[in-house]
Amino acid sequence: DGEGKTVETRFACTVSVGESRSVAQGLVKGSGRVVTEACRAEGVEISNTYVVNSSGQILWSRQWIGPAHGYAVIAPIRL
């Protein structure tokens, strides 16, 4: 909450699998399916996006990290 106190928020989410997307950064080169997680809670709506390969590894993601910072993109440079 900005004052060092933990605040719990429970989201209701749906997950959908979309098209294929290629990813290339560092030593990571490949493709995977776009998985989108749409969530709602107490007037807040967020959408996290992942690119997941056929082995289940996350090649790229854009995830909500909180109201102060918004979204972060996470892209490993090697698996």
Protein backbone atom coordinates (compact mmCIF):
# COMPACT_ATOMS: atom_id res chain seq x y z
CA ASP A 1 0.00 0.00 0.00
CA GLY A 2 3.02 2.31 -0.06
CA GLU A 3 3.30 2.28 3.72
CA GLY A 4 4.75 -1.20 4.10
CA LYS A 5 1.41 -2.90 4.75
CA THR A 6 0.29 -5.89 2.71
CA VAL A 7 -3.01 -5.44 0.90
CA GLU A 8 -4.67 -8.53 -0.56
CA THR A 9 -6.72 -8.22 -3.73
CA ARG A 10 -8.52 -11.22 -5.20
CA PHE A 11 -8.94 -11.15 -8.96
CA ALA A 12 -11.35 -13.12 -11.12
CA CYS A 13 -9.45 -14.09 -14.27
CA THR A 14 -10.03 -15.75 -17.61
CA VAL A 15 -7.26 -17.22 -19.75
CA SER A 16 -7.31 -17.48 -23.52
CA VAL A 17 -4.86 -18.89 -26.05
CA GLY A 18 -4.32 -16.98 -29.28
CA GLU A 19 -2.09 -16.88 -32.33
CA SER A 20 1.57 -17.87 -32.64
CA ARG A 21 4.25 -15.22 -32.18
CA SER A 22 7.99 -15.31 -32.87
CA VAL A 23 10.41 -14.15 -30.18
CA ALA A 24 14.10 -13.29 -30.61
CA GLN A 25 16.22 -11.68 -27.88
CA GLY A 26 19.63 -12.72 -26.58
CA LEU A 27 20.01 -16.48 -26.99
CA VAL A 28 16.23 -16.99 -27.02
CA LYS A 29 14.90 -17.55 -30.52
CA GLY A 30 11.66 -19.38 -31.10
CA SER A 31 7.93 -19.11 -31.28
CA GLY A 32 5.02 -19.84 -29.04
CA ARG A 33 1.34 -19.26 -28.51
CA VAL A 34 0.12 -15.98 -27.07
CA VAL A 35 -1.66 -16.61 -23.77
CA THR A 36 -3.71 -13.74 -22.37
CA GLU A 37 -4.92 -13.50 -18.79
CA ALA A 38 -7.70 -10.93 -18.30
CA CYS A 39 -8.48 -10.12 -14.66
CA ARG A 40 -10.92 -7.91 -12.73
CA ALA A 41 -11.26 -6.92 -9.09
CA GLU A 42 -12.78 -3.99 -7.21
CA GLY A 43 -12.86 -1.67 -10.23
CA VAL A 44 -9.41 -2.72 -11.47
CA GLU A 45 -8.91 -4.44 -14.82
CA ILE A 46 -5.56 -5.86 -15.89
CA SER A 47 -4.36 -7.96 -18.79
CA ASN A 48 -1.20 -10.06 -18.65
CA THR A 49 0.25 -11.49 -21.85
CA TYR A 50 2.68 -14.41 -22.24
CA VAL A 51 4.34 -16.14 -25.19
CA VAL A 52 4.64 -19.82 -24.25
CA ASN A 53 6.51 -22.40 -26.35
CA SER A 54 5.50 -26.04 -26.86
CA SER A 55 7.66 -27.08 -23.85
CA GLY A 56 5.76 -24.72 -21.56
CA GLN A 57 8.60 -22.20 -21.22
CA ILE A 58 7.66 -18.53 -21.14
CA LEU A 59 9.64 -16.78 -23.88
CA TRP A 60 8.26 -13.28 -23.22
CA SER A 61 5.69 -11.68 -20.94
CA ARG A 62 4.02 -8.38 -20.08
CA GLN A 63 2.69 -8.47 -16.52
CA TRP A 64 0.96 -6.04 -14.17
CA ILE A 65 3.19 -5.30 -11.18
CA GLY A 66 1.06 -2.73 -9.40
CA PRO A 67 -0.59 0.69 -9.60
CA ALA A 68 2.61 2.63 -8.92
CA HIS A 69 4.56 1.01 -11.78
CA GLY A 70 2.00 -0.44 -14.16
CA TYR A 71 3.26 -3.20 -16.45
CA ALA A 72 6.70 -4.79 -16.77
CA VAL A 73 8.01 -6.67 -19.78
CA ILE A 74 10.03 -9.76 -18.88
CA ALA A 75 12.12 -11.33 -21.63
CA PRO A 76 14.79 -13.88 -20.69
CA ILE A 77 18.02 -13.69 -22.69
CA ARG A 78 18.64 -17.42 -22.29
CA LEU A 79 16.61 -20.41 -21.12
